[in-house]
Amino acid sequence: MPSRNVSLRLRDLQEKDSGSYLCFVNLQDNQGTVKGQSSKHLELDVLVPPAPPSCHLRGVAHVGTNVTLSCQSPRNAIHGSLSLKNLSTSMSGVYVCKAHNEVGSAQCNVTLTVSTGPRATVVAGAVVGTMVGLGLLAGLVLLYQHRGKALEEPANDIKVSLSLQSSHSDPSPSLECPPNPKPGTPHPSHLTASEIGEKGTTEGAPGLAVEVKVPSEPLSAPVGKTAELTCSYSTSVGDNFALEWSFVQPGKPVSMSQPILYFTNGQLYPTGSKAERASLLQNPPTGGVATLKLTDVRPSDAGTYLCHVNNPPDFYTNGLGLINLTVLVPPSRPSCSQSGQTSVGGSAALRCSSSTGAPKPVYNWIRLGASPTPSPGSMVQDEVSGQLILTNLSLASSGTYRCVATNQMGSASCELTLSVTDPSKGRVAGTVIGVLLGVLFLSVAVFCLIRFQKERRKRPKETFGGSDLREDAVAPGVSEQPLESEDSSNGLLERPSSASTVTTKSKLPMVV
């Protein structure tokens, strides 16, 4: 390498580039002998700004009804919603939803127009009646003005000009009215509905902001201990104030969250599987803090917790805070296994894995006993997957190996015995056994052959051809006489030499 800097540069990052990167360094001298090795894992999170969200209005915007404004960015399970109840015309206006994270933001807007609905005819009648009343009032004022000119005091009165449009487009007369309490300040009735919707934070107007604050960093708690999830808010608590804590498992959208507890109408209502272990540190939570306390934390408690504050008519934000909780669990006893060719010159893989453990355990293999440790060049260890690769095995590689799984909560281990065999010794032993078996089979065959020859020599000849005569056959017409005499000296039978003992063979067939 030209330098000690072996940094990796990635250009044009994409979201799929997020993950774990392993840097493995193997140090060697000039002769190629391995002097040491080291590895390190780096986690890369590619930050992506939110895509422009889409805003929607659900419900019919009539006076007295309820509607919901929602927005959601593509590829994002979290969505924002704003519920408006008991609508009035003053709630009309433009509502902006802003999605933001640490690398950017995007927004959308939706226009809410609250109509009078089925009561339009009543309102129209009221308007017509008001116009008629104003006309009568104008006539009375003209009559009063005509009679009171002599008593007019210009120094103390203020004249206000009102322009009234009639069917004949006649200019309205000048009327004398009581002075305005604050000259230059418009009367609230002069504000339009859209102005009130956009100026929801003005004094005395509905639509104040509900700001919920939660920790920005994920929280962690050891298994079996108590976790405190801090949630604070800023709003003017009224009779409609409501608080909800809910939970969603990792990898699932927020819309599938399950409630943990409610607070409404001054009462706290725990619910769900965590009801016996969940409570509020501040009860009632009306002082701006609604911290959730969860006792006897379990591995199934890991996930996202939602703190939702609802305080009509304060709907300027969604009033929602998200907290990620990680439950710390020591690693379980790992299981060890091996695979590969465990013979001299071969390679073997030792594997180790724990079924539970949070954060994810780191695995380390060590060799037990006083036997020499294999050279570093023949051992490659992966601390994340728990795999140990042994190459160029020798008889010295045999022994007991221990895998230790460790995280910040504790450690656990398992052991495995590796036996390396020598194929050459097996071949010699097989050759010796084969030679011994061959000698044994050959000895048995020779013994059987010798015995067979002896039996054959002792067996008399009893089978003759069809045209042959026996040597001791008697000719036709000659009486048979004893031909053998007993030799008293040796006890053997001898055949006397006579003409009748001459061996003859006839070429002609015998006729009896």
Protein backbone atom coordinates (compact mmCIF):
# COMPACT_ATOMS: atom_id res chain seq x y z
CA MET A 1 0.00 0.00 0.00
CA PRO A 2 1.31 3.50 -0.77
CA SER A 3 0.37 4.74 2.71
CA ARG A 4 -1.30 3.67 5.94
CA ASN A 5 -4.52 5.36 4.91
CA VAL A 6 -6.83 2.72 3.41
CA SER A 7 -10.00 4.82 3.58
CA LEU A 8 -12.86 3.94 1.26
CA ARG A 9 -14.67 6.71 -0.60
CA LEU A 10 -18.22 6.29 -1.91
CA ARG A 11 -19.55 8.78 -4.44
CA ASP A 12 -23.13 9.52 -5.36
CA LEU A 13 -24.52 7.89 -2.20
CA GLN A 14 -27.83 6.07 -2.48
CA GLU A 15 -30.23 4.98 0.22
CA LYS A 16 -29.38 1.30 -0.38
CA ASP A 17 -25.73 2.01 0.54
CA SER A 18 -26.70 2.02 4.22
CA GLY A 19 -25.31 -0.95 6.13
CA SER A 20 -22.22 -2.40 7.79
CA TYR A 21 -18.75 -2.09 6.21
CA LEU A 22 -15.78 -4.28 7.29
CA CYS A 23 -12.16 -3.07 7.06
CA PHE A 24 -9.70 -5.99 7.41
CA VAL A 25 -5.93 -5.31 7.58
CA ASN A 26 -3.35 -8.14 7.32
CA LEU A 27 0.25 -7.12 8.12
CA GLN A 28 3.19 -9.02 6.56
CA ASP A 29 6.97 -8.57 6.49
CA ASN A 30 9.23 -8.68 3.42
CA GLN A 31 9.37 -12.50 3.52
CA GLY A 32 5.57 -12.74 3.46
CA THR A 33 5.27 -13.87 7.08
CA VAL A 34 2.07 -12.62 8.71
CA LYS A 35 2.89 -10.40 11.69
CA GLY A 36 -0.63 -9.42 12.73
CA GLN A 37 -4.14 -8.69 11.58
CA SER A 38 -6.98 -6.44 12.60
CA SER A 39 -10.56 -5.74 11.52
CA LYS A 40 -13.12 -3.06 12.22
CA HIS A 41 -16.78 -2.63 11.40
CA LEU A 42 -18.28 0.72 10.44
CA GLU A 43 -22.01 1.44 10.25
CA LEU A 44 -23.15 3.83 7.50
CA ASP A 45 -26.56 5.52 7.58
CA VAL A 46 -27.42 7.44 4.40
CA LEU A 47 -29.48 10.48 5.32
CA VAL A 48 -32.34 11.18 2.91
CA PRO A 49 -34.45 14.35 3.04
CA PRO A 50 -38.20 13.79 3.11
CA ALA A 51 -40.05 13.68 -0.18
CA PRO A 52 -42.82 16.26 -0.72
CA PRO A 53 -45.80 15.03 1.31
CA SER A 54 -49.34 14.80 0.06
CA CYS A 55 -52.13 16.53 2.00
CA HIS A 56 -55.69 15.22 2.18
CA LEU A 57 -58.94 16.31 3.78
CA ARG A 58 -61.25 13.62 5.15
CA GLY A 59 -64.79 14.55 6.09
CA VAL A 60 -67.36 17.17 5.10
CA ALA A 61 -66.47 20.69 6.24
CA HIS A 62 -69.81 21.92 7.55
CA VAL A 63 -70.38 23.98 10.65
CA GLY A 64 -70.59 21.69 13.68
CA THR A 65 -69.03 18.62 11.98
CA ASN A 66 -65.57 17.00 12.40
CA VAL A 67 -62.83 16.67 9.77
CA THR A 68 -59.28 15.26 9.68
CA LEU A 69 -56.34 16.77 7.81
CA SER A 70 -53.57 14.26 7.02
CA CYS A 71 -50.23 14.32 5.24
CA GLN A 72 -47.63 11.65 4.48
CA SER A 73 -44.35 11.50 2.56
CA PRO A 74 -43.74 8.62 0.11
CA ARG A 75 -41.69 5.67 1.46
CA ASN A 76 -42.41 6.81 5.01
CA ALA A 77 -44.74 4.89 7.30
CA ILE A 78 -45.16 7.82 9.70
CA HIS A 79 -47.94 10.22 8.83
CA GLY A 80 -49.24 13.39 10.40
CA SER A 81 -52.88 13.99 11.14
CA LEU A 82 -54.84 16.95 12.49
CA SER A 83 -58.37 16.44 13.81
CA LEU A 84 -60.73 19.41 13.85
CA LYS A 85 -63.94 19.00 15.84
CA ASN A 86 -67.10 21.12 16.06
CA LEU A 87 -66.15 23.23 13.03
CA SER A 88 -66.96 26.89 12.81
CA THR A 89 -66.48 29.37 9.98
CA SER A 90 -63.57 30.91 11.88
CA MET A 91 -61.58 27.71 11.29
CA SER A 92 -61.54 28.23 7.54
CA GLY A 93 -58.15 28.93 6.04
CA VAL A 94 -54.97 27.41 4.59
CA TYR A 95 -53.30 24.69 6.67
CA VAL A 96 -49.65 23.80 5.97
CA CYS A 97 -48.09 20.39 6.77
CA LYS A 98 -44.29 20.42 6.98
CA ALA A 99 -42.23 17.20 6.95
CA HIS A 100 -38.65 17.71 8.07
CA ASN A 101 -35.60 15.83 9.31
CA GLU A 102 -32.00 16.80 9.92
CA VAL A 103 -31.13 16.96 6.22
CA GLY A 104 -34.11 18.82 4.75
CA SER A 105 -37.79 19.51 4.73
CA ALA A 106 -40.80 19.55 2.42
CA GLN A 107 -44.37 20.72 2.82
CA CYS A 108 -47.85 20.68 1.36
CA ASN A 109 -51.00 22.64 2.14
CA VAL A 110 -54.72 22.13 2.08
CA THR A 111 -57.46 24.76 2.06
CA LEU A 112 -60.31 24.31 4.50
CA THR A 113 -63.55 26.12 3.74
CA VAL A 114 -66.22 25.65 6.38
CA SER A 115 -69.68 26.06 4.89
CA THR A 116 -72.95 26.56 6.65
CA GLY A 117 -74.42 23.39 5.26
CA PRO A 118 -78.12 22.71 5.58
CA ARG A 119 -78.64 25.81 7.71
CA ALA A 120 -77.96 28.11 4.74
CA THR A 121 -81.65 28.94 4.31
CA VAL A 122 -81.89 30.01 7.94
CA VAL A 123 -78.87 32.23 7.56
CA ALA A 124 -80.23 33.71 4.32
CA GLY A 125 -83.48 34.55 6.04
CA ALA A 126 -81.58 36.15 8.88
CA VAL A 127 -79.60 38.25 6.40
CA VAL A 128 -82.76 39.45 4.64
CA GLY A 129 -84.36 40.29 7.97
CA THR A 130 -81.25 42.18 9.00
CA MET A 131 -81.28 44.24 5.80
CA VAL A 132 -84.93 45.14 6.32
CA GLY A 133 -84.21 46.10 9.91
CA LEU A 134 -81.30 48.26 8.82
CA GLY A 135 -83.53 50.05 6.34
CA LEU A 136 -86.08 50.83 9.02
CA LEU A 137 -83.32 51.92 11.33
CA ALA A 138 -81.94 54.26 8.67
CA GLY A 139 -85.35 55.88 8.26
CA LEU A 140 -85.67 56.43 11.98
CA VAL A 141 -82.19 57.90 12.11
CA LEU A 142 -82.99 60.37 9.30
CA LEU A 143 -86.11 61.46 11.14
CA TYR A 144 -84.17 61.85 14.35
CA GLN A 145 -81.45 63.84 12.58
CA HIS A 146 -83.95 66.20 11.04
CA ARG A 147 -85.50 66.98 14.40
CA GLY A 148 -82.23 67.24 16.33
CA LYS A 149 -80.22 69.66 14.18
CA ALA A 150 -80.80 72.49 16.63
CA LEU A 151 -79.36 70.46 19.49
CA GLU A 152 -76.29 69.25 17.58
CA GLU A 153 -72.94 69.86 19.29
CA PRO A 154 -70.21 69.33 16.69
CA ALA A 155 -67.42 69.75 19.25
CA ASN A 156 -68.34 66.67 21.24
CA ASP A 157 -69.71 64.31 18.55
CA ILE A 158 -67.85 62.08 16.09
CA LYS A 159 -69.49 61.41 12.74
CA VAL A 160 -68.92 58.06 11.11
CA SER A 161 -69.79 57.46 7.50
CA LEU A 162 -71.26 54.06 6.71
CA SER A 163 -71.67 53.01 3.10
CA LEU A 164 -74.77 50.92 2.57
CA GLN A 165 -75.58 49.48 -0.80
CA SER A 166 -79.27 49.41 -1.59
CA SER A 167 -81.09 48.23 -4.67
CA HIS A 168 -81.11 51.82 -5.97
CA SER A 169 -77.35 52.38 -5.21
CA ASP A 170 -78.19 55.42 -3.09
CA PRO A 171 -75.37 56.72 -0.91
CA SER A 172 -75.91 56.11 2.76
CA PRO A 173 -76.48 59.09 4.96
CA SER A 174 -74.05 60.24 7.60
CA LEU A 175 -74.94 58.75 10.99
CA GLU A 176 -73.89 59.80 14.44
CA CYS A 177 -72.53 56.86 16.48
CA PRO A 178 -70.78 56.45 19.83
CA PRO A 179 -67.03 56.87 19.58
CA ASN A 180 -64.83 53.80 18.84
CA PRO A 181 -63.11 52.59 22.03
CA LYS A 182 -59.77 52.30 20.16
CA PRO A 183 -59.51 54.52 17.10
CA GLY A 184 -57.69 52.78 14.28
CA THR A 185 -58.34 49.24 15.59
CA PRO A 186 -60.64 47.20 13.30
CA HIS A 187 -63.64 45.56 14.83
CA PRO A 188 -63.42 41.71 14.98
CA SER A 189 -66.44 41.48 12.71
CA HIS A 190 -64.41 43.13 9.94
CA LEU A 191 -61.95 40.12 9.81
CA THR A 192 -62.60 37.55 7.12
CA ALA A 193 -62.71 33.81 7.85
CA SER A 194 -59.45 33.13 5.93
CA GLU A 195 -57.65 35.83 7.94
CA ILE A 196 -58.72 34.19 11.16
CA GLY A 197 -57.52 30.77 9.90
CA GLU A 198 -54.10 32.15 8.93
CA LYS A 199 -53.81 34.19 12.13
CA GLY A 200 -54.69 31.30 14.40
CA THR A 201 -52.06 32.34 16.92
CA THR A 202 -53.53 35.83 17.45
CA GLU A 203 -54.86 36.78 20.83
CA GLY A 204 -58.13 35.09 21.66
CA ALA A 205 -58.36 33.20 18.32
CA PRO A 206 -58.47 29.35 18.09
CA GLY A 207 -55.71 27.22 16.57
CA LEU A 208 -52.81 27.63 19.01
CA ALA A 209 -49.75 25.42 18.50
CA VAL A 210 -49.41 22.19 20.48
CA GLU A 211 -45.68 21.49 20.77
CA VAL A 212 -44.58 18.04 22.01
CA LYS A 213 -40.92 17.48 22.91
CA VAL A 214 -39.31 14.03 23.32
CA PRO A 215 -35.65 12.88 23.41
CA SER A 216 -34.07 12.95 19.96
CA GLU A 217 -31.73 10.03 20.73
CA PRO A 218 -33.01 6.44 21.17
CA LEU A 219 -33.41 5.29 24.77
CA SER A 220 -32.18 1.98 26.21
CA ALA A 221 -33.02 0.06 29.37
CA PRO A 222 -31.70 -3.26 30.76
CA VAL A 223 -34.13 -6.15 30.80
CA GLY A 224 -35.98 -6.42 34.11
CA LYS A 225 -35.36 -2.77 35.04
CA THR A 226 -37.56 0.34 34.82
CA ALA A 227 -37.64 2.66 31.80
CA GLU A 228 -38.76 6.29 31.89
CA LEU A 229 -39.85 7.84 28.58
CA THR A 230 -39.88 11.62 28.90
CA CYS A 231 -42.55 13.61 27.07
CA SER A 232 -43.25 17.33 27.59
CA TYR A 233 -45.71 19.62 25.85
CA SER A 234 -46.75 23.25 25.71
CA THR A 235 -50.42 24.19 25.41
CA SER A 236 -53.18 25.75 27.46
CA VAL A 237 -54.86 22.79 29.12
CA GLY A 238 -58.62 22.99 28.90
CA ASP A 239 -61.64 20.78 29.42
CA ASN A 240 -60.99 18.94 26.12
CA PHE A 241 -57.36 18.05 26.95
CA ALA A 242 -56.49 14.40 26.21
CA LEU A 243 -53.22 12.43 26.35
CA GLU A 244 -52.47 9.07 24.75
CA TRP A 245 -49.40 6.80 24.94
CA SER A 246 -49.22 4.03 22.32
CA PHE A 247 -46.67 1.46 21.14
CA VAL A 248 -45.69 -0.03 17.77
CA GLN A 249 -43.32 -2.94 17.22
CA PRO A 250 -40.09 -2.46 15.21
CA GLY A 251 -40.55 -2.54 11.45
CA LYS A 252 -44.30 -1.80 11.55
CA PRO A 253 -45.99 1.47 10.51
CA VAL A 254 -47.21 3.93 13.12
CA SER A 255 -50.78 3.35 11.97
CA MET A 256 -50.59 -0.13 13.60
CA SER A 257 -49.75 1.26 17.05
CA GLN A 258 -51.48 -0.22 20.10
CA PRO A 259 -52.64 2.03 22.98
CA ILE A 260 -50.96 1.79 26.38
CA LEU A 261 -52.92 4.35 28.41
CA TYR A 262 -55.33 7.29 28.02
CA PHE A 263 -55.86 10.40 30.08
CA THR A 264 -59.09 12.29 29.48
CA ASN A 265 -61.70 14.07 31.60
CA GLY A 266 -59.29 13.99 34.53
CA GLN A 267 -59.07 10.17 34.59
CA LEU A 268 -56.24 7.78 33.66
CA TYR A 269 -57.16 4.59 31.80
CA PRO A 270 -54.35 1.98 31.34
CA THR A 271 -55.08 -0.58 28.62
CA GLY A 272 -53.46 -3.36 26.61
CA SER A 273 -50.84 -5.94 27.58
CA LYS A 274 -48.69 -3.31 29.34
CA ALA A 275 -51.51 -1.99 31.55
CA GLU A 276 -50.11 -3.50 34.76
CA ARG A 277 -46.59 -2.18 34.16
CA ALA A 278 -47.30 1.25 32.62
CA SER A 279 -48.01 4.44 34.59
CA LEU A 280 -47.39 8.19 34.52
CA LEU A 281 -44.81 9.87 36.74
CA GLN A 282 -47.04 12.96 36.82
CA ASN A 283 -50.68 12.18 37.45
CA PRO A 284 -52.62 14.14 36.34
CA PRO A 285 -50.30 15.10 33.46
CA THR A 286 -51.68 18.61 33.12
CA GLY A 287 -48.53 20.49 34.09
CA GLY A 288 -46.73 20.18 30.78
CA VAL A 289 -44.96 16.84 31.48
CA ALA A 290 -46.38 13.39 30.66
CA THR A 291 -43.46 10.98 31.30
CA LEU A 292 -44.28 7.29 30.87
CA LYS A 293 -42.91 4.80 33.43
CA LEU A 294 -42.57 1.17 32.35
CA THR A 295 -41.51 -1.37 34.99
CA ASP A 296 -40.01 -4.87 34.55
CA VAL A 297 -38.87 -4.16 31.00
CA ARG A 298 -39.02 -7.17 28.68
CA PRO A 299 -37.47 -7.86 25.25
CA SER A 300 -40.93 -7.51 23.68
CA ASP A 301 -41.07 -3.89 24.93
CA ALA A 302 -38.47 -2.80 22.34
CA GLY A 303 -40.01 -0.57 19.67
CA THR A 304 -41.42 2.93 19.09
CA TYR A 305 -43.55 4.74 21.67
CA LEU A 306 -45.90 7.58 20.66
CA CYS A 307 -46.80 10.48 22.97
CA HIS A 308 -49.89 12.19 21.53
CA VAL A 309 -51.41 15.35 23.04
CA ASN A 310 -54.88 16.40 21.86
CA ASN A 311 -56.22 19.74 23.11
CA PRO A 312 -59.02 21.20 20.94
CA PRO A 313 -59.07 23.77 19.49
CA ASP A 314 -55.24 23.85 19.54
CA PHE A 315 -54.54 21.98 16.29
CA TYR A 316 -51.70 24.01 14.77
CA THR A 317 -49.44 20.92 14.92
CA ASN A 318 -50.15 17.21 15.20
CA GLY A 319 -49.00 17.13 18.84
CA LEU A 320 -47.09 13.87 18.36
CA GLY A 321 -43.68 12.72 19.66
CA LEU A 322 -41.86 9.45 18.86
CA ILE A 323 -39.40 7.67 21.17
CA ASN A 324 -37.39 4.57 20.19
CA LEU A 325 -36.68 2.19 23.08
CA THR A 326 -34.04 -0.57 22.98
CA VAL A 327 -34.15 -3.29 25.64
CA LEU A 328 -30.65 -4.47 26.57
CA VAL A 329 -30.45 -8.28 26.84
CA PRO A 330 -27.32 -10.34 27.61
CA PRO A 331 -26.43 -12.89 24.91
CA SER A 332 -27.83 -16.39 25.30
CA ARG A 333 -25.58 -19.45 25.32
CA PRO A 334 -24.34 -19.75 21.73
CA SER A 335 -24.32 -22.94 19.68
CA CYS A 336 -21.05 -24.11 18.06
CA SER A 337 -20.77 -26.13 14.84
CA GLN A 338 -18.13 -27.03 12.27
CA SER A 339 -18.00 -27.89 8.59
CA GLY A 340 -15.37 -28.58 5.96
CA GLN A 341 -12.60 -31.15 5.34
CA THR A 342 -10.83 -31.80 8.66
CA SER A 343 -7.76 -33.50 7.21
CA VAL A 344 -4.16 -32.35 6.85
CA GLY A 345 -3.98 -29.63 4.21
CA GLY A 346 -7.74 -29.04 4.19
CA SER A 347 -9.91 -26.17 5.47
CA ALA A 348 -12.59 -26.01 8.17
CA ALA A 349 -15.16 -23.41 9.25
CA LEU A 350 -16.18 -23.05 12.90
CA ARG A 351 -19.47 -21.20 13.48
CA CYS A 352 -20.98 -19.66 16.61
CA SER A 353 -24.35 -17.90 17.09
CA SER A 354 -26.56 -16.73 19.99
CA SER A 355 -30.33 -16.78 19.55
CA THR A 356 -30.92 -13.67 21.73
CA GLY A 357 -28.92 -10.62 22.74
CA ALA A 358 -29.31 -6.84 22.41
CA PRO A 359 -27.31 -5.07 21.23
CA LYS A 360 -26.12 -7.75 18.84
CA PRO A 361 -23.26 -9.73 20.41
CA VAL A 362 -19.66 -9.71 19.18
CA TYR A 363 -18.08 -13.17 18.80
CA ASN A 364 -14.46 -14.10 19.57
CA TRP A 365 -12.80 -17.51 19.12
CA ILE A 366 -9.94 -18.67 21.36
CA ARG A 367 -8.03 -21.95 21.57
CA LEU A 368 -7.82 -23.78 24.89
CA GLY A 369 -4.89 -25.76 26.29
CA ALA A 370 -1.12 -25.52 25.92
CA SER A 371 -1.03 -26.71 22.30
CA PRO A 372 0.61 -24.33 19.80
CA THR A 373 -1.82 -21.84 18.29
CA PRO A 374 -2.19 -21.97 14.47
CA SER A 375 -0.39 -19.21 12.62
CA PRO A 376 -2.40 -15.99 12.13
CA GLY A 377 -2.29 -16.42 8.37
CA SER A 378 -4.28 -19.64 8.61
CA MET A 379 -7.01 -18.11 10.84
CA VAL A 380 -9.62 -15.58 9.64
CA GLN A 381 -12.24 -14.53 12.20
CA ASP A 382 -15.45 -12.55 11.66
CA GLU A 383 -16.61 -10.96 14.91
CA VAL A 384 -20.06 -10.10 13.54
CA SER A 385 -21.10 -13.44 12.05
CA GLY A 386 -19.14 -15.52 14.58
CA GLN A 387 -17.28 -17.55 11.94
CA LEU A 388 -13.67 -18.77 12.20
CA ILE A 389 -11.99 -20.04 9.00
CA LEU A 390 -9.00 -22.39 9.44
CA THR A 391 -6.94 -23.05 6.32
CA ASN A 392 -3.99 -25.39 5.57
CA LEU A 393 -4.83 -27.61 8.53
CA SER A 394 -2.13 -29.64 10.26
CA LEU A 395 -2.13 -32.12 13.11
CA ALA A 396 -1.20 -29.21 15.40
CA SER A 397 -4.54 -27.58 14.53
CA SER A 398 -6.39 -30.24 16.52
CA GLY A 399 -7.70 -29.12 19.89
CA THR A 400 -10.60 -27.48 21.75
CA TYR A 401 -11.84 -24.08 20.56
CA ARG A 402 -14.08 -21.77 22.61
CA CYS A 403 -16.43 -19.10 21.21
CA VAL A 404 -17.33 -16.18 23.51
CA ALA A 405 -20.38 -14.00 22.67
CA THR A 406 -20.19 -10.58 24.37
CA ASN A 407 -22.23 -7.38 24.57
CA GLN A 408 -22.50 -4.61 27.16
CA MET A 409 -24.85 -6.72 29.27
CA GLY A 410 -22.67 -9.84 29.65
CA SER A 411 -21.15 -12.82 27.86
CA ALA A 412 -21.75 -16.52 27.15
CA SER A 413 -19.64 -19.23 25.51
CA CYS A 414 -19.61 -22.67 23.91
CA GLU A 415 -16.79 -25.11 23.08
CA LEU A 416 -15.99 -27.34 20.10
CA THR A 417 -13.33 -30.05 19.63
CA LEU A 418 -11.56 -30.18 16.25
CA SER A 419 -9.80 -33.42 15.23
CA VAL A 420 -7.50 -33.23 12.19
CA THR A 421 -6.65 -36.57 10.54
CA ASP A 422 -3.62 -37.57 8.39
CA PRO A 423 -4.71 -39.29 5.13
CA SER A 424 -1.18 -40.81 4.58
CA LYS A 425 -1.38 -42.82 7.80
CA GLY A 426 -4.70 -44.15 6.71
CA ARG A 427 -3.26 -45.28 3.41
CA VAL A 428 -0.35 -47.17 5.10
CA ALA A 429 -2.72 -48.89 7.50
CA GLY A 430 -4.95 -49.89 4.61
CA THR A 431 -1.98 -51.31 2.68
CA VAL A 432 -0.82 -53.41 5.64
CA ILE A 433 -4.29 -54.78 6.23
CA GLY A 434 -4.66 -55.62 2.52
CA VAL A 435 -1.33 -57.53 2.46
CA LEU A 436 -2.26 -59.54 5.54
CA LEU A 437 -5.64 -60.45 4.08
CA GLY A 438 -3.96 -61.48 0.79
CA VAL A 439 -1.48 -63.78 2.59
CA LEU A 440 -4.31 -65.33 4.58
CA PHE A 441 -6.39 -66.03 1.48
CA LEU A 442 -3.34 -67.49 -0.33
CA SER A 443 -2.55 -69.83 2.62
CA VAL A 444 -6.10 -71.10 2.71
CA ALA A 445 -6.04 -71.75 -1.05
CA VAL A 446 -2.72 -73.72 -0.87
CA PHE A 447 -3.99 -75.80 2.04
CA CYS A 448 -7.19 -76.69 0.19
CA LEU A 449 -5.23 -77.65 -2.98
CA ILE A 450 -2.84 -80.01 -1.14
CA ARG A 451 -5.70 -81.75 0.64
CA PHE A 452 -7.55 -82.23 -2.61
CA GLN A 453 -4.54 -83.89 -4.25
CA LYS A 454 -4.19 -86.36 -1.35
CA GLU A 455 -7.85 -87.36 -1.53
CA ARG A 456 -7.56 -87.91 -5.26
CA ARG A 457 -4.67 -90.33 -4.94
CA LYS A 458 -6.50 -92.51 -2.41
CA ARG A 459 -9.69 -92.80 -4.54
CA PRO A 460 -9.88 -96.18 -6.73
CA LYS A 461 -10.49 -96.08 -10.46
CA GLU A 462 -14.05 -97.31 -10.99
CA THR A 463 -14.98 -95.72 -14.21
CA PHE A 464 -14.03 -97.34 -17.56
CA GLY A 465 -14.86 -96.87 -21.19
CA GLY A 466 -17.73 -98.80 -22.81
CA SER A 467 -15.43 -100.85 -25.21
CA ASP A 468 -12.72 -101.79 -22.63
CA LEU A 469 -12.33 -105.08 -20.70
CA ARG A 470 -11.16 -105.31 -17.17
CA GLU A 471 -7.73 -106.86 -16.63
CA ASP A 472 -9.19 -109.56 -14.35
CA ALA A 473 -12.04 -110.53 -16.70
CA VAL A 474 -12.54 -114.27 -17.44
CA ALA A 475 -12.94 -115.48 -21.01
CA PRO A 476 -16.24 -117.10 -21.99
CA GLY A 477 -16.36 -120.91 -21.36
CA VAL A 478 -13.48 -120.91 -18.85
CA SER A 479 -14.31 -121.65 -15.26
CA GLU A 480 -13.16 -119.16 -12.70
CA GLN A 481 -10.43 -120.34 -10.34
CA PRO A 482 -8.86 -118.61 -7.44
CA LEU A 483 -5.93 -116.66 -8.72
CA GLU A 484 -4.66 -115.14 -5.51
CA SER A 485 -2.57 -116.75 -2.84
CA GLU A 486 -1.82 -115.51 0.57
CA ASP A 487 1.73 -114.64 1.37
CA SER A 488 2.25 -115.56 4.95
CA SER A 489 5.39 -113.56 5.19
CA ASN A 490 4.04 -110.09 4.55
CA GLY A 491 0.25 -110.65 4.58
CA LEU A 492 -0.17 -109.23 1.11
CA LEU A 493 -2.14 -110.74 -1.75
CA GLU A 494 -0.16 -111.61 -4.90
CA ARG A 495 -1.43 -112.42 -8.35
CA PRO A 496 0.14 -115.67 -9.90
CA SER A 497 1.64 -115.43 -13.32
CA SER A 498 -0.43 -117.60 -15.70
CA ALA A 499 -1.85 -117.40 -19.17
CA SER A 500 -5.20 -116.46 -17.83
CA THR A 501 -3.82 -113.23 -16.43
CA VAL A 502 -2.75 -111.88 -19.76
CA THR A 503 -4.40 -108.64 -20.43
CA THR A 504 -6.35 -108.56 -23.62
CA LYS A 505 -8.43 -105.95 -25.12
CA SER A 506 -11.01 -106.77 -27.72
CA LYS A 507 -11.75 -104.41 -30.47
CA LEU A 508 -15.01 -106.32 -31.13
CA PRO A 509 -18.12 -105.96 -29.09
CA MET A 510 -19.03 -108.79 -26.75
CA VAL A 511 -22.11 -110.88 -27.38
CA VAL A 512 -23.60 -112.59 -24.33
